[in-house]
Amino acid sequence: MRNNVSSELFKGLNDAGYDGYFTDAWLDETAYEVGNATDRHTHFVIYKRDDIGGLLTVKLPTRKFISAGYLIGRYASRRGKQFKNLSHLVSEIVDLAIDVYPASYGIGIVSIYNPLKDKQLGHITSVLDTADIEYNVEYSDARWVCRIKISKVAGNLERLQRLAQ
């Protein structure tokens, strides 16, 4: 038995609406353990019961005390960073066309067979620059799409929100 695991771990997770299980580094099904964690259990899989697709594997610390609060905090911090879809904000800011579209990372511009790409890119970047929104421009590997990737830091998202209103 690992001595750094709270005896109230599963009760705390359950009360907060989460479930999970211990497993080994290879996520071996035979290592699945609902109750006690042994030294071979190096990871914990946590998920919120009402969050479809919200599974997170957390590597367990060897010295830090492992409680429900610790695992829920790790889950919340990782889930917040994994995916923030900006398409609903972008569609309010940019005039969308068949070759300009909102994306989870920001704005996509079709660059292949698009004679207006440079004009569209210039317009969009000037709007973002005026609003002091951080972004970077990159191309897909085949250069078919120009991606305007908008930074998802808190201050930037607030400025984007104001611009969309």
Foldseek 3Di string as FASTA:
>chain_A
DQPQEDQCAQVLQVVVQKAKFFAAPVRDPVRTDRHDDDPRGQWMWMDGNVDPPQIDIGGDDNPHRHHNVVVVVVSVVVVVPPFAACQVLQVLQADDDPQWGGGRQGIKGFDPPDPCVVVRVVVVVVLCVVLVWDWDWDADPVRRIIDTGTDPDPVNVVSSNVSSD
